[in-house]
Amino acid sequence: MTSDTSRFAFARSNFPKGFRFGAATAAYQIEGSSFGGAGPCHWDTFAQTPGNTAGAEDGSVACDHYHRWEEDLDLVRDAGLDAYRFSMSWARVLPEGRGQPNREGLDYYDRLVDGILERGLEPWATLYHWDMPAALSDLGGWRNRDVADWFAEYTQIIMGRVGDRLKGTATLNEPWCVAWLSHFLGHHAPGLRDIRAAARAMHHVLLAHGRSMEVMRAMGLENLGIVLNFEHARPADESDGAALAAARYDGIYNRWFIEALLHRRYPEIVLEGLAPHLPAGWEDDMDLIGRPLDWLGVNYYTCNRVAPDPDQPWPALTSVPGPLPKTDMDWEIAPDGLAFFLKRLSALSDGNLPIYVTENGMADSAPEDDQTRIAYLDSHFAAARAAIDDGVDLRGYFVWSLLDNYEWAFGYDKRFGIVHVDFDTQKRTPKASWHALRAALREPAPAE
């Protein structure tokens, strides 16, 4: 850090020419699901079930971005950012998940994309950030193989409306959360704890990605990718049992999706547990799943200390607290893990796949000076710069998040935004991190 702790240590000129700086959000977390003709999604019903979310809070109003999007896009522009990453709500576009589109929803995303472009920003869209239409959840959601065709239909409709103006498009955000966190651990909607459901979701989410890519390629669209999350698995101690547990965790969390996408395989260390529960003939889907990507999005926040738990069934592991400083999510601050994954992923793709950090940030409700967030981001920007120096084709970095928002099962208590939101009045107030980012980005990129 510099001696002035209200500023970042980096400037725009520390990164290559053309490197994109942006901020990211997600539809259900900011838009307000009760507006504009959106249908219910499984997060609406999950939150209405006692004990599932903090204070039984939901995203029905969230940040009211549906009505306040112009003000929010002005904040992106005024911060000196280059790009805005957002998601579209499947339930807003197709209230029943299939069939008749919602004209209000399509018109809204039309206005939003035009508004991004009018401010000189690049629109980077994600088709799915966890808001499965409730009508499709009734039919099994991600457990049902038909979800791939449902998702393809949704892709055709929304991309037919706005796809011609997007700079980049991701099919899905964090399939580990969509499948494992939500169907095995039960922490997110639909809140299941069932290994068969998890195994099928782990496969079908990738099959849906493949079908969506197939549709967009047929439409002639370009710059298509997917966003995966990664968490650095560290053995809790030096024992062989901890090493094996960490390897299993790494296989489930970090290897399952990327190895399917890049090498059309699932890791053996995970198939040991999931193979009996995968759908019959899953091997025949790997060619579709593994069709080429134009870019890969990397979401990174923390590491995890993993220990064996021999009294439990497979994967027989647990997490233990670590010694590093922690965020309000109780996540350790470990920026070296970001550099580790950027280099690992570059090597896994033989250096031929452009990479973007599509989410990085921290939950912090500390005083307004926001120094902990500035230090967190600074250390991760430095890790990204180090990865570039090591030859990684890293092309952009999106801070999570633009706004304090609905943080899923944690409700509105965990504040990730570089802009403070008063959820009673919806007043937006840029934090010190927003101002520090603005100052860092004012310095122009190096000349040709």
Protein backbone atom coordinates (compact mmCIF):
# COMPACT_ATOMS: atom_id res chain seq x y z
CA MET A 1 0.00 0.00 0.00
CA THR A 2 1.01 3.60 -0.45
CA SER A 3 1.40 5.93 2.50
CA ASP A 4 -2.03 7.36 1.65
CA THR A 5 -4.25 4.47 2.72
CA SER A 6 -7.27 5.97 0.95
CA ARG A 7 -5.68 5.09 -2.39
CA PHE A 8 -4.78 1.93 -4.21
CA ALA A 9 -1.13 1.10 -4.79
CA PHE A 10 -1.83 0.30 -8.45
CA ALA A 11 -2.74 2.58 -11.35
CA ARG A 12 -4.22 1.81 -14.75
CA SER A 13 -0.77 2.09 -16.32
CA ASN A 14 0.44 -0.88 -14.25
CA PHE A 15 -1.69 -3.15 -16.43
CA PRO A 16 -1.39 -3.91 -20.15
CA LYS A 17 -3.00 -1.68 -22.75
CA GLY A 18 -6.58 -2.80 -23.34
CA PHE A 19 -6.96 -4.39 -19.90
CA ARG A 20 -10.59 -3.98 -18.84
CA PHE A 21 -11.64 -2.84 -15.38
CA GLY A 22 -15.24 -3.36 -14.38
CA ALA A 23 -17.78 -3.97 -11.66
CA ALA A 24 -20.18 -6.90 -11.41
CA THR A 25 -23.72 -7.51 -10.14
CA ALA A 26 -26.42 -10.20 -10.40
CA ALA A 27 -30.08 -9.82 -11.31
CA TYR A 28 -31.78 -11.39 -8.30
CA GLN A 29 -29.43 -9.61 -5.89
CA ILE A 30 -30.22 -6.09 -7.11
CA GLU A 31 -33.21 -5.83 -9.48
CA GLY A 32 -36.20 -6.63 -7.32
CA SER A 33 -38.01 -9.80 -8.37
CA SER A 34 -41.49 -8.35 -7.68
CA PHE A 35 -41.23 -5.79 -10.48
CA GLY A 36 -41.81 -5.84 -14.22
CA GLY A 37 -43.80 -9.02 -14.63
CA ALA A 38 -41.11 -11.39 -13.39
CA GLY A 39 -42.29 -14.85 -12.40
CA PRO A 40 -41.31 -16.44 -9.08
CA CYS A 41 -37.95 -18.19 -8.93
CA HIS A 42 -36.77 -20.82 -6.49
CA TRP A 43 -35.05 -18.15 -4.39
CA ASP A 44 -38.41 -16.50 -3.76
CA THR A 45 -39.86 -19.73 -2.43
CA PHE A 46 -36.66 -20.81 -0.65
CA ALA A 47 -36.66 -17.52 1.28
CA GLN A 48 -40.29 -18.01 2.28
CA THR A 49 -39.38 -21.24 4.07
CA PRO A 50 -38.51 -20.64 7.75
CA GLY A 51 -34.83 -20.85 8.59
CA ASN A 52 -33.46 -20.68 5.06
CA THR A 53 -32.40 -17.03 4.90
CA ALA A 54 -31.35 -14.47 7.50
CA GLY A 55 -34.43 -12.68 8.74
CA ALA A 56 -36.48 -14.48 6.08
CA GLU A 57 -35.21 -11.79 3.70
CA ASP A 58 -35.61 -12.17 -0.06
CA GLY A 59 -34.88 -10.31 -3.29
CA SER A 60 -38.38 -9.03 -3.94
CA VAL A 61 -37.15 -5.42 -3.74
CA ALA A 62 -33.38 -5.81 -3.27
CA CYS A 63 -31.72 -2.58 -4.54
CA ASP A 64 -34.67 -1.64 -6.77
CA HIS A 65 -32.24 -1.63 -9.68
CA TYR A 66 -35.18 -2.36 -11.99
CA HIS A 67 -36.23 1.27 -11.51
CA ARG A 68 -32.85 2.81 -10.57
CA TRP A 69 -30.62 1.30 -13.24
CA GLU A 70 -29.75 4.67 -14.78
CA GLU A 71 -28.38 5.98 -11.50
CA ASP A 72 -26.44 2.77 -10.99
CA LEU A 73 -24.92 2.82 -14.46
CA ASP A 74 -23.85 6.41 -13.84
CA LEU A 75 -21.91 5.13 -10.82
CA VAL A 76 -20.10 2.61 -13.02
CA ARG A 77 -19.24 5.29 -15.57
CA ASP A 78 -18.24 7.89 -13.00
CA ALA A 79 -15.86 5.45 -11.32
CA GLY A 80 -13.86 5.41 -14.55
CA LEU A 81 -14.59 1.73 -15.17
CA ASP A 82 -14.60 0.26 -18.65
CA ALA A 83 -17.18 -2.48 -18.34
CA TYR A 84 -20.25 -3.61 -16.44
CA ARG A 85 -20.96 -7.28 -15.80
CA PHE A 86 -24.61 -8.08 -15.05
CA SER A 87 -26.94 -11.06 -15.30
CA MET A 88 -30.35 -11.53 -16.84
CA SER A 89 -33.13 -13.15 -14.84
CA TRP A 90 -34.55 -16.27 -16.48
CA ALA A 91 -37.78 -15.80 -14.49
CA ARG A 92 -38.08 -12.19 -15.68
CA VAL A 93 -37.69 -13.17 -19.34
CA LEU A 94 -39.84 -16.32 -19.09
CA PRO A 95 -42.09 -16.21 -16.01
CA GLU A 96 -42.99 -19.89 -16.45
CA GLY A 97 -39.48 -20.84 -17.54
CA ARG A 98 -40.75 -21.78 -21.00
CA GLY A 99 -43.34 -20.62 -23.47
CA GLN A 100 -44.51 -17.02 -23.66
CA PRO A 101 -41.83 -14.38 -22.97
CA ASN A 102 -42.53 -11.41 -20.73
CA ARG A 103 -42.41 -8.33 -22.93
CA GLU A 104 -41.70 -6.04 -19.96
CA GLY A 105 -38.68 -8.13 -19.07
CA LEU A 106 -37.28 -8.13 -22.59
CA ASP A 107 -37.85 -4.37 -22.88
CA TYR A 108 -36.05 -3.84 -19.57
CA TYR A 109 -32.91 -5.68 -20.71
CA ASP A 110 -33.07 -3.79 -24.01
CA ARG A 111 -33.02 -0.48 -22.11
CA LEU A 112 -30.29 -1.70 -19.78
CA VAL A 113 -27.92 -2.76 -22.55
CA ASP A 114 -28.53 0.45 -24.47
CA GLY A 115 -27.90 2.42 -21.29
CA ILE A 116 -24.59 0.66 -20.73
CA LEU A 117 -23.47 1.45 -24.27
CA GLU A 118 -24.66 5.06 -24.08
CA ARG A 119 -22.30 5.58 -21.14
CA GLY A 120 -19.33 4.30 -23.08
CA LEU A 121 -19.22 1.03 -21.14
CA GLU A 122 -18.89 -2.54 -22.36
CA PRO A 123 -21.85 -4.82 -21.49
CA TRP A 124 -20.77 -8.25 -20.22
CA ALA A 125 -23.79 -10.46 -19.57
CA THR A 126 -24.39 -13.70 -17.69
CA LEU A 127 -27.43 -15.72 -18.68
CA TYR A 128 -27.89 -17.53 -15.37
CA HIS A 129 -26.95 -16.36 -11.90
CA TRP A 130 -28.98 -18.75 -9.76
CA ASP A 131 -32.60 -17.70 -10.36
CA MET A 132 -34.26 -20.88 -11.67
CA PRO A 133 -37.96 -20.18 -12.49
CA ALA A 134 -40.12 -21.82 -9.83
CA ALA A 135 -42.22 -23.55 -12.50
CA LEU A 136 -39.09 -25.39 -13.70
CA SER A 137 -37.97 -26.13 -10.17
CA ASP A 138 -41.33 -27.91 -9.80
CA LEU A 139 -40.20 -30.19 -12.63
CA GLY A 140 -36.90 -31.02 -10.95
CA GLY A 141 -34.84 -28.03 -12.06
CA TRP A 142 -31.18 -28.94 -12.46
CA ARG A 143 -31.93 -32.59 -11.59
CA ASN A 144 -33.96 -32.97 -14.78
CA ARG A 145 -32.04 -33.54 -18.00
CA ASP A 146 -34.65 -31.49 -19.87
CA VAL A 147 -33.18 -28.41 -18.16
CA ALA A 148 -30.58 -28.25 -20.94
CA ASP A 149 -33.29 -27.74 -23.56
CA TRP A 150 -35.19 -25.28 -21.34
CA PHE A 151 -32.01 -23.27 -20.95
CA ALA A 152 -31.37 -23.38 -24.69
CA GLU A 153 -34.85 -21.94 -25.33
CA TYR A 154 -34.23 -19.16 -22.83
CA THR A 155 -30.85 -18.45 -24.44
CA GLN A 156 -32.45 -18.15 -27.89
CA ILE A 157 -35.06 -15.67 -26.65
CA ILE A 158 -32.91 -13.32 -24.61
CA MET A 159 -29.92 -13.37 -26.95
CA GLY A 160 -32.20 -12.83 -29.92
CA ARG A 161 -33.18 -9.57 -28.25
CA VAL A 162 -29.87 -8.20 -26.90
CA GLY A 163 -27.08 -10.52 -28.05
CA ASP A 164 -26.03 -8.31 -30.96
CA ARG A 165 -24.90 -5.56 -28.55
CA LEU A 166 -23.06 -7.52 -25.88
CA LYS A 167 -19.29 -7.38 -25.60
CA GLY A 168 -19.10 -10.77 -23.89
CA THR A 169 -21.57 -13.40 -22.70
CA ALA A 170 -21.24 -16.11 -20.06
CA THR A 171 -23.69 -18.97 -20.00
CA LEU A 172 -23.64 -19.58 -16.25
CA ASN A 173 -22.19 -18.16 -13.06
CA GLU A 174 -20.50 -20.53 -10.59
CA PRO A 175 -21.92 -23.96 -11.43
CA TRP A 176 -20.38 -25.33 -8.20
CA CYS A 177 -22.84 -23.14 -6.30
CA VAL A 178 -25.69 -24.04 -8.64
CA ALA A 179 -25.08 -27.77 -8.16
CA TRP A 180 -23.03 -28.73 -5.09
CA LEU A 181 -23.75 -25.89 -2.67
CA SER A 182 -27.45 -26.07 -3.46
CA HIS A 183 -28.08 -29.81 -3.94
CA PHE A 184 -25.52 -31.49 -1.66
CA LEU A 185 -24.78 -28.95 1.09
CA GLY A 186 -28.26 -27.43 0.90
CA HIS A 187 -27.19 -23.87 1.70
CA HIS A 188 -28.73 -22.27 -1.40
CA ALA A 189 -31.97 -22.78 -3.30
CA PRO A 190 -33.40 -25.34 -3.81
CA GLY A 191 -31.85 -26.36 -0.49
CA LEU A 192 -31.41 -30.09 -1.10
CA ARG A 193 -28.99 -32.43 0.70
CA ASP A 194 -28.92 -35.44 -1.58
CA ILE A 195 -25.93 -36.92 -3.41
CA ARG A 196 -28.01 -38.22 -6.34
CA ALA A 197 -29.55 -34.77 -6.86
CA ALA A 198 -26.11 -33.18 -6.59
CA ALA A 199 -24.47 -35.55 -9.08
CA ARG A 200 -27.18 -34.95 -11.65
CA ALA A 201 -27.07 -31.20 -11.14
CA MET A 202 -23.26 -31.28 -11.46
CA HIS A 203 -23.66 -32.86 -14.90
CA HIS A 204 -26.81 -31.17 -16.15
CA VAL A 205 -25.53 -27.67 -15.45
CA LEU A 206 -22.65 -28.39 -17.81
CA LEU A 207 -24.96 -29.96 -20.37
CA ALA A 208 -27.08 -26.78 -20.25
CA HIS A 209 -23.94 -24.75 -20.81
CA GLY A 210 -23.16 -26.85 -23.88
CA ARG A 211 -26.64 -26.45 -25.34
CA SER A 212 -26.59 -22.71 -24.69
CA MET A 213 -23.22 -22.38 -26.43
CA GLU A 214 -24.58 -24.41 -29.34
CA VAL A 215 -27.51 -22.02 -29.71
CA MET A 216 -25.37 -18.88 -29.54
CA ARG A 217 -22.82 -20.22 -32.02
CA ALA A 218 -25.66 -20.98 -34.45
CA MET A 219 -26.83 -17.38 -34.01
CA GLY A 220 -23.39 -16.15 -35.07
CA LEU A 221 -22.60 -14.63 -31.67
CA GLU A 222 -19.03 -14.26 -30.50
CA ASN A 223 -16.94 -13.85 -27.33
CA LEU A 224 -18.75 -16.56 -25.39
CA GLY A 225 -17.59 -18.10 -22.12
CA ILE A 226 -18.52 -19.32 -18.67
CA VAL A 227 -17.77 -18.12 -15.14
CA LEU A 228 -16.39 -20.62 -12.61
CA ASN A 229 -15.55 -20.06 -8.96
CA PHE A 230 -12.36 -21.38 -7.39
CA GLU A 231 -11.34 -21.83 -3.77
CA HIS A 232 -7.79 -22.71 -2.80
CA ALA A 233 -7.92 -26.09 -1.00
CA ARG A 234 -5.23 -26.31 1.67
CA PRO A 235 -4.71 -29.37 3.91
CA ALA A 236 -5.52 -28.50 7.53
CA ASP A 237 -2.29 -30.17 8.66
CA GLU A 238 0.58 -32.26 7.28
CA SER A 239 -1.15 -35.63 7.61
CA ASP A 240 -1.87 -37.92 4.67
CA GLY A 241 -5.56 -37.82 5.59
CA ALA A 242 -5.68 -34.04 5.31
CA ALA A 243 -3.86 -34.16 1.98
CA LEU A 244 -6.40 -36.63 0.60
CA ALA A 245 -9.34 -34.62 1.93
CA ALA A 246 -7.96 -31.45 0.35
CA ALA A 247 -7.46 -33.28 -2.95
CA ARG A 248 -11.11 -34.43 -2.89
CA TYR A 249 -12.28 -30.92 -2.10
CA ASP A 250 -10.13 -29.55 -4.91
CA GLY A 251 -11.61 -32.14 -7.27
CA ILE A 252 -15.21 -31.27 -6.43
CA TYR A 253 -14.81 -27.52 -6.23
CA ASN A 254 -12.05 -26.65 -8.68
CA ARG A 255 -11.44 -29.51 -11.12
CA TRP A 256 -14.85 -30.99 -11.98
CA PHE A 257 -16.13 -28.18 -14.18
CA ILE A 258 -12.94 -26.89 -15.78
CA GLU A 259 -11.65 -30.34 -16.73
CA ALA A 260 -14.98 -31.19 -18.33
CA LEU A 261 -14.94 -27.95 -20.28
CA LEU A 262 -11.32 -28.07 -21.42
CA HIS A 263 -10.57 -31.80 -21.54
CA ARG A 264 -13.99 -33.52 -21.68
CA ARG A 265 -13.39 -35.54 -18.53
CA TYR A 266 -14.35 -35.63 -14.88
CA PRO A 267 -11.61 -36.16 -12.27
CA GLU A 268 -11.33 -39.74 -11.03
CA ILE A 269 -11.05 -38.60 -7.42
CA VAL A 270 -14.62 -37.24 -7.70
CA LEU A 271 -16.04 -40.04 -9.82
CA GLU A 272 -15.17 -42.35 -6.90
CA GLY A 273 -18.13 -40.80 -5.09
CA LEU A 274 -20.39 -39.45 -7.81
CA ALA A 275 -20.21 -42.05 -10.60
CA PRO A 276 -22.96 -44.29 -9.13
CA HIS A 277 -25.33 -41.32 -9.05
CA LEU A 278 -24.66 -39.75 -12.45
CA PRO A 279 -27.32 -40.12 -15.16
CA ALA A 280 -26.92 -43.08 -17.50
CA GLY A 281 -24.95 -42.27 -20.63
CA TRP A 282 -23.38 -39.12 -19.23
CA GLU A 283 -20.18 -39.90 -21.10
CA ASP A 284 -21.96 -39.25 -24.40
CA ASP A 285 -22.51 -35.61 -23.43
CA MET A 286 -18.85 -34.69 -22.97
CA ASP A 287 -18.22 -33.63 -26.55
CA LEU A 288 -21.03 -31.07 -26.34
CA ILE A 289 -19.89 -29.89 -22.92
CA GLY A 290 -16.29 -29.52 -24.10
CA ARG A 291 -16.81 -27.39 -27.18
CA PRO A 292 -14.37 -24.45 -27.36
CA LEU A 293 -14.73 -21.40 -25.15
CA ASP A 294 -13.68 -17.90 -26.21
CA TRP A 295 -12.79 -16.91 -22.63
CA LEU A 296 -12.97 -18.11 -19.04
CA GLY A 297 -14.27 -16.11 -16.09
CA VAL A 298 -12.61 -16.70 -12.71
CA ASN A 299 -14.36 -15.83 -9.45
CA TYR A 300 -12.02 -15.97 -6.45
CA TYR A 301 -12.49 -14.93 -2.84
CA THR A 302 -10.71 -17.18 -0.36
CA CYS A 303 -8.98 -20.41 0.60
CA ASN A 304 -10.28 -23.35 2.65
CA ARG A 305 -8.50 -25.50 5.25
CA VAL A 306 -9.64 -29.07 4.71
CA ALA A 307 -9.47 -31.95 7.21
CA PRO A 308 -10.68 -35.57 6.98
CA ASP A 309 -13.96 -36.52 8.64
CA PRO A 310 -13.85 -40.35 8.67
CA ASP A 311 -17.15 -40.65 10.55
CA GLN A 312 -19.03 -39.28 7.53
CA PRO A 313 -19.77 -40.81 4.11
CA TRP A 314 -17.89 -39.72 1.01
CA PRO A 315 -16.34 -37.18 0.56
CA ALA A 316 -15.58 -37.54 4.29
CA LEU A 317 -14.12 -34.10 4.81
CA THR A 318 -14.71 -30.94 6.80
CA SER A 319 -13.41 -27.39 6.95
CA VAL A 320 -11.50 -25.93 9.88
CA PRO A 321 -10.68 -22.30 10.74
CA GLY A 322 -7.44 -20.86 9.42
CA PRO A 323 -5.05 -18.27 10.85
CA LEU A 324 -5.36 -15.48 8.26
CA PRO A 325 -7.44 -12.31 8.72
CA LYS A 326 -11.06 -12.83 7.72
CA THR A 327 -13.85 -10.93 6.02
CA ASP A 328 -17.38 -10.55 7.38
CA MET A 329 -18.17 -13.84 5.65
CA ASP A 330 -15.52 -15.44 7.88
CA TRP A 331 -13.47 -16.11 4.75
CA GLU A 332 -9.70 -15.96 5.02
CA ILE A 333 -7.97 -13.24 3.00
CA ALA A 334 -5.52 -15.17 0.81
CA PRO A 335 -4.58 -13.24 -2.36
CA ASP A 336 -1.83 -15.72 -3.24
CA GLY A 337 -4.63 -18.16 -4.10
CA LEU A 338 -5.75 -15.91 -6.95
CA ALA A 339 -2.31 -15.93 -8.55
CA PHE A 340 -2.17 -19.71 -8.01
CA PHE A 341 -5.40 -20.31 -9.91
CA LEU A 342 -4.65 -17.89 -12.72
CA LYS A 343 -1.38 -19.71 -13.41
CA ARG A 344 -2.96 -23.15 -12.94
CA LEU A 345 -5.79 -22.39 -15.37
CA SER A 346 -3.42 -20.89 -17.89
CA ALA A 347 -1.36 -24.08 -17.81
CA LEU A 348 -4.47 -26.27 -18.03
CA SER A 349 -5.49 -24.48 -21.23
CA ASP A 350 -1.93 -24.39 -22.61
CA GLY A 351 -2.08 -20.61 -22.41
CA ASN A 352 -4.59 -20.47 -25.26
CA LEU A 353 -7.67 -19.29 -23.35
CA PRO A 354 -8.09 -15.61 -22.39
CA ILE A 355 -8.99 -15.23 -18.71
CA TYR A 356 -10.93 -12.55 -16.85
CA VAL A 357 -11.28 -12.15 -13.10
CA THR A 358 -15.06 -11.84 -13.16
CA GLU A 359 -15.57 -11.48 -9.39
CA ASN A 360 -13.33 -10.54 -6.50
CA GLY A 361 -14.19 -8.56 -3.39
CA MET A 362 -15.07 -8.80 0.27
CA ALA A 363 -17.94 -8.42 2.69
CA ASP A 364 -17.16 -5.65 5.16
CA SER A 365 -19.52 -3.53 7.23
CA ALA A 366 -16.73 -1.56 8.93
CA PRO A 367 -16.67 2.25 9.15
CA GLU A 368 -17.11 4.44 6.10
CA ASP A 369 -13.37 4.84 5.46
CA ASP A 370 -13.47 1.34 3.89
CA GLN A 371 -9.76 0.75 4.37
CA THR A 372 -10.04 -3.02 4.80
CA ARG A 373 -11.76 -3.36 1.42
CA ILE A 374 -9.16 -1.14 -0.23
CA ALA A 375 -6.36 -3.28 1.20
CA TYR A 376 -8.14 -6.48 0.17
CA LEU A 377 -8.62 -5.36 -3.41
CA ASP A 378 -5.11 -3.91 -3.61
CA SER A 379 -3.56 -7.23 -2.63
CA HIS A 380 -5.63 -9.09 -5.22
CA PHE A 381 -4.86 -6.59 -7.98
CA ALA A 382 -1.19 -7.18 -7.14
CA ALA A 383 -1.70 -10.95 -7.43
CA ALA A 384 -3.34 -10.46 -10.83
CA ARG A 385 -0.46 -8.27 -11.99
CA ALA A 386 2.03 -10.93 -10.83
CA ALA A 387 0.16 -13.59 -12.84
CA ILE A 388 0.36 -11.41 -15.95
CA ASP A 389 4.10 -11.06 -15.38
CA ASP A 390 4.27 -14.87 -15.27
CA GLY A 391 2.68 -15.10 -18.71
CA VAL A 392 -1.03 -15.49 -17.92
CA ASP A 393 -3.31 -14.06 -20.62
CA LEU A 394 -5.41 -12.09 -18.14
CA ARG A 395 -7.48 -9.45 -19.89
CA GLY A 396 -9.76 -7.92 -17.29
CA TYR A 397 -10.85 -7.63 -13.67
CA PHE A 398 -14.40 -7.10 -12.35
CA VAL A 399 -14.82 -6.04 -8.74
CA TRP A 400 -17.63 -7.67 -6.77
CA SER A 401 -19.76 -5.81 -6.27
CA LEU A 402 -20.94 -2.45 -7.50
CA LEU A 403 -23.66 -2.26 -4.82
CA ASP A 404 -24.35 -3.63 -1.40
CA ASN A 405 -27.04 -6.15 -2.24
CA TYR A 406 -29.04 -9.22 -1.30
CA GLU A 407 -26.39 -11.74 -0.29
CA TRP A 408 -28.53 -14.83 -0.75
CA ALA A 409 -29.03 -16.87 2.43
CA PHE A 410 -27.23 -14.14 4.41
CA GLY A 411 -29.86 -11.54 3.53
CA TYR A 412 -28.81 -7.89 3.50
CA ASP A 413 -26.24 -7.97 6.31
CA LYS A 414 -23.12 -8.83 4.26
CA ARG A 415 -21.96 -5.76 2.36
CA PHE A 416 -19.77 -6.44 -0.69
CA GLY A 417 -20.42 -3.14 -2.50
CA ILE A 418 -18.04 -0.34 -3.38
CA VAL A 419 -21.26 1.70 -3.16
CA HIS A 420 -23.26 1.72 0.08
CA VAL A 421 -27.00 1.13 -0.22
CA ASP A 422 -29.44 2.21 2.47
CA PHE A 423 -32.08 -0.47 2.02
CA ASP A 424 -34.75 1.64 3.73
CA THR A 425 -34.36 4.65 1.42
CA GLN A 426 -32.43 3.06 -1.49
CA LYS A 427 -29.93 5.93 -1.29
CA ARG A 428 -26.60 5.13 -2.94
CA THR A 429 -23.38 6.49 -1.40
CA PRO A 430 -20.01 5.71 -2.97
CA LYS A 431 -17.56 4.28 -0.42
CA ALA A 432 -13.88 5.13 -0.08
CA SER A 433 -13.10 2.07 -2.21
CA TRP A 434 -15.17 3.54 -5.08
CA HIS A 435 -13.26 6.83 -4.81
CA ALA A 436 -9.92 5.02 -4.58
CA LEU A 437 -10.75 2.96 -7.66
CA ARG A 438 -11.75 6.10 -9.52
CA ALA A 439 -8.43 7.74 -8.67
CA ALA A 440 -6.43 4.66 -9.74
CA LEU A 441 -8.21 4.44 -13.08
CA ARG A 442 -7.89 8.12 -13.95
CA GLU A 443 -4.30 7.54 -14.97
CA PRO A 444 -4.54 6.61 -18.66
CA ALA A 445 -3.44 3.34 -20.12
CA PRO A 446 0.04 3.34 -21.69
CA ALA A 447 0.26 4.71 -25.21
CA GLU A 448 0.74 2.50 -28.25
